[in-house]
Protein backbone atom coordinates (compact mmCIF):
# COMPACT_ATOMS: atom_id res chain seq x y z
CA MET A 1 36.25 -10.52 -12.94
CA LYS A 2 33.93 -12.34 -10.52
CA ILE A 3 32.80 -15.60 -11.81
CA TYR A 4 29.85 -17.63 -9.69
CA ASP A 5 29.62 -22.12 -10.07
CA LEU A 6 26.27 -22.16 -10.48
CA SER A 7 26.55 -26.02 -9.90
CA LYS A 8 25.70 -28.71 -6.89
CA GLU A 9 28.98 -31.42 -5.96
CA LEU A 10 27.21 -33.84 -7.72
CA PHE A 11 27.64 -36.84 -5.05
CA SER A 12 26.78 -34.51 -2.10
CA ALA A 13 23.35 -33.26 -4.08
CA ALA A 14 19.84 -34.27 -3.12
CA VAL A 15 18.34 -36.54 -5.10
CA TYR A 16 15.01 -36.68 -7.09
CA PRO A 17 12.69 -38.82 -5.70
CA GLY A 18 12.66 -42.32 -7.20
CA ASP A 19 16.14 -41.15 -9.57
CA PRO A 20 18.81 -43.43 -9.47
CA ALA A 21 21.82 -41.88 -7.07
CA PRO A 22 25.17 -40.99 -8.34
CA GLN A 23 27.75 -44.03 -7.68
CA LYS A 24 31.74 -43.29 -8.45
CA THR A 25 33.22 -46.79 -8.57
CA PRO A 26 37.55 -47.35 -8.97
CA PHE A 27 38.41 -48.97 -12.38
CA PHE A 28 42.05 -48.10 -12.23
CA GLU A 29 43.88 -46.89 -9.17
CA ILE A 30 47.58 -45.63 -9.44
CA SER A 31 49.82 -48.81 -8.35
CA GLU A 32 53.19 -50.07 -8.82
CA THR A 33 51.64 -51.79 -11.48
CA CYS A 34 48.89 -49.07 -13.12
CA PRO A 35 49.81 -45.20 -13.35
CA CYS A 36 47.17 -44.04 -13.68
CA ASN A 37 43.40 -43.23 -12.06
CA VAL A 38 40.53 -44.03 -13.61
CA THR A 39 36.64 -43.96 -12.16
CA VAL A 40 32.87 -45.43 -13.65
CA LEU A 41 30.58 -43.57 -13.04
CA SER A 42 26.83 -44.55 -12.84
CA MET A 43 24.06 -41.95 -12.68
CA GLY A 44 20.83 -40.26 -13.93
CA SER A 45 20.59 -38.20 -16.54
CA HIS A 46 19.23 -35.66 -13.98
CA ASN A 47 21.03 -36.14 -11.31
CA GLY A 48 22.86 -32.83 -9.57
CA THR A 49 22.96 -29.64 -11.49
CA HIS A 50 21.75 -30.71 -15.08
CA MET A 51 19.83 -29.16 -18.31
CA ASP A 52 16.89 -30.80 -19.71
CA ALA A 53 16.67 -31.40 -23.38
CA PRO A 54 13.41 -30.95 -25.31
CA LYS A 55 13.36 -35.22 -25.47
CA HIS A 56 13.04 -35.48 -21.27
CA PHE A 57 9.65 -34.92 -21.50
CA VAL A 58 8.53 -34.67 -25.77
CA LYS A 59 8.48 -37.47 -28.09
CA GLY A 60 10.79 -37.49 -30.56
CA ALA A 61 12.03 -34.12 -29.51
CA LYS A 62 15.95 -33.20 -29.54
CA ASP A 63 18.45 -34.79 -27.42
CA VAL A 64 20.95 -33.26 -25.53
CA ALA A 65 23.65 -33.31 -28.06
CA GLU A 66 21.31 -31.72 -30.38
CA MET A 67 20.45 -28.94 -28.56
CA ASP A 68 21.24 -25.23 -29.64
CA LEU A 69 24.24 -23.99 -27.61
CA THR A 70 23.76 -20.54 -28.16
CA LYS A 71 20.71 -20.80 -25.95
CA CYS A 72 23.21 -22.05 -23.18
CA VAL A 73 25.75 -18.95 -24.01
CA GLY A 74 25.19 -15.38 -23.80
CA PRO A 75 24.26 -12.36 -21.94
CA CYS A 76 21.65 -13.09 -19.30
CA LYS A 77 19.76 -11.59 -16.20
CA VAL A 78 19.22 -12.91 -13.01
CA ILE A 79 15.72 -11.90 -10.86
CA THR A 80 14.37 -13.59 -7.46
CA HIS A 81 10.86 -14.72 -7.21
CA GLU A 82 9.09 -16.51 -4.37
CA GLY A 83 5.80 -18.63 -4.51
CA LEU A 84 4.04 -19.14 -8.12
CA LEU A 85 5.40 -17.53 -10.96
CA THR A 86 2.52 -16.57 -13.43
CA ALA A 87 2.16 -15.51 -17.07
CA GLU A 88 2.17 -11.86 -15.63
CA ASP A 89 5.71 -12.32 -13.50
CA ALA A 90 6.94 -13.98 -16.82
CA GLU A 91 6.45 -11.51 -19.15
CA ALA A 92 7.41 -8.23 -16.65
CA ALA A 93 10.32 -10.75 -16.39
CA LEU A 94 11.04 -10.52 -20.35
CA ALA A 95 9.59 -7.07 -20.97
CA ASP A 96 12.88 -5.65 -21.78
CA GLY A 97 13.58 -8.30 -24.34
CA THR A 98 15.45 -10.84 -21.40
CA LYS A 99 16.79 -14.39 -23.94
CA ARG A 100 18.14 -15.88 -21.05
CA LEU A 101 16.47 -16.08 -17.76
CA LEU A 102 17.83 -17.45 -14.79
CA ILE A 103 15.09 -17.05 -11.26
CA ARG A 104 16.18 -16.71 -7.74
CA GLY A 105 14.26 -18.25 -4.77
CA GLU A 106 12.17 -21.38 -4.45
CA ILE A 107 9.67 -20.76 -7.06
CA GLU A 108 6.71 -23.03 -8.51
CA ILE A 109 6.81 -22.29 -12.38
CA THR A 110 2.74 -22.43 -13.38
CA LEU A 111 1.34 -23.16 -16.72
CA GLY A 112 0.37 -19.47 -17.75
CA ALA A 113 3.65 -18.65 -16.85
CA ALA A 114 5.34 -21.52 -19.23
CA GLU A 115 4.09 -20.87 -21.40
CA ALA A 116 4.39 -17.04 -21.56
CA PHE A 117 7.89 -17.93 -21.59
CA ALA A 118 7.22 -20.06 -24.60
CA LYS A 119 5.29 -16.99 -26.84
CA ALA A 120 7.85 -15.02 -25.54
CA GLY A 121 10.30 -16.74 -26.96
CA LEU A 122 12.51 -17.21 -24.16
CA TRP A 123 15.92 -19.45 -25.25
CA PHE A 124 16.88 -20.13 -22.08
CA LEU A 125 15.03 -20.70 -18.04
CA GLY A 126 17.76 -21.55 -14.88
CA VAL A 127 15.77 -22.08 -11.51
CA GLU A 128 17.08 -22.94 -7.89
CA GLY A 129 14.89 -26.07 -7.56
CA MET A 130 15.32 -29.51 -8.87
CA THR A 131 12.10 -29.26 -11.39
CA VAL A 132 9.06 -26.81 -12.53
CA GLY A 133 6.06 -27.19 -11.62
CA ASN A 134 4.66 -29.19 -8.95
CA LYS A 135 3.40 -33.08 -8.84
CA GLU A 136 0.20 -33.06 -10.54
CA THR A 137 1.94 -29.54 -13.04
CA GLY A 138 5.24 -30.79 -13.74
CA PRO A 139 4.60 -32.04 -16.89
CA PHE A 140 2.44 -29.75 -18.52
CA VAL A 141 5.24 -27.29 -17.42
CA HIS A 142 7.43 -28.68 -18.74
CA ARG A 143 6.44 -29.94 -22.49
CA ALA A 144 5.09 -26.30 -22.61
CA LEU A 145 8.91 -25.43 -21.97
CA LEU A 146 10.88 -27.99 -23.87
CA GLY A 147 8.14 -28.26 -26.42
CA ALA A 148 9.12 -24.71 -27.41
CA GLU A 149 13.10 -25.80 -27.14
CA ILE A 150 13.69 -24.28 -24.17
CA ALA A 151 17.07 -24.83 -22.57
CA LEU A 152 16.29 -25.61 -19.07
CA LEU A 153 18.66 -25.35 -16.01
CA GLU A 154 17.63 -26.94 -13.00
CA SER A 155 19.45 -27.67 -9.37
CA ALA A 156 20.96 -24.35 -10.14
CA VAL A 157 22.68 -22.79 -6.76
CA MET A 158 22.66 -19.40 -6.78
CA THR A 159 22.27 -18.20 -2.95
CA ASP A 160 25.38 -15.68 -3.53
CA VAL A 161 24.40 -14.30 -7.44
CA PRO A 162 23.04 -10.41 -6.57
CA ASP A 163 20.28 -9.92 -9.15
CA GLY A 164 21.37 -8.71 -12.34
CA SER A 165 23.49 -8.49 -15.85
CA TYR A 166 25.90 -11.02 -16.79
CA PHE A 167 27.53 -13.70 -19.28
CA LEU A 168 26.31 -16.87 -19.06
CA SER A 169 28.29 -20.20 -19.93
CA SER A 170 26.11 -23.69 -19.15
CA ALA A 171 26.19 -26.00 -22.44
CA PRO A 172 25.08 -29.60 -21.77
CA LEU A 173 27.64 -32.62 -22.12
CA LYS A 174 27.51 -34.03 -25.84
CA MET A 175 25.81 -37.07 -25.25
CA GLN A 176 23.67 -38.50 -28.32
CA GLY A 177 20.14 -39.65 -27.39
CA LEU A 178 20.15 -38.59 -24.03
CA ASP A 179 16.84 -36.87 -22.21
CA GLY A 180 19.42 -34.21 -19.47
CA SER A 181 22.78 -33.76 -18.90
CA GLN A 182 25.00 -32.62 -15.74
CA CYS A 183 27.05 -29.30 -16.66
CA ARG A 184 28.48 -26.66 -14.89
CA PRO A 185 26.76 -23.32 -15.28
CA LEU A 186 28.84 -20.45 -14.81
CA LEU A 187 27.58 -16.74 -14.53
CA ILE A 188 30.48 -14.00 -15.21
CA GLU A 189 29.78 -10.46 -13.75
CA LEU A 190 29.46 -7.97 -16.75
């Protein structure tokens, strides 16, 4: 069985411009008077490989703890695409009934593609980039995807993953009230 780890190491991963950088501070350290190590973490909810909850861009929507985990675990398809991903590209990717999709490559998801994913009933979308869309379209693309409650994985590492069918496990951490969460997505060859 081959397992692909799609996550970036959190503290060395690039941080989206303007977001807080993750930090770690020892709280307890093993010594003659202390039997264990405990570390205090400080980070943004979208540092490293992470999942966006609908709440990230949709007011009053579900937080990360309320996300439907059945969307994050199960059969998945990996495809490669470069450049703009259009509505036609999205429709072609889902023509076989795919519900969980990972896209390798440097892409920019257009609003039309996001709307096509939502209309087709996509459950899960993962990308290698830190975000979807561009500076102007990003909020609209996010709203189209997250408004349809598509589980959105960003900053995935898929360099060595061949296109094909896999089993995906990409559950976010259960943190009530948050708009996103770090995760360690795994792909398992079927």
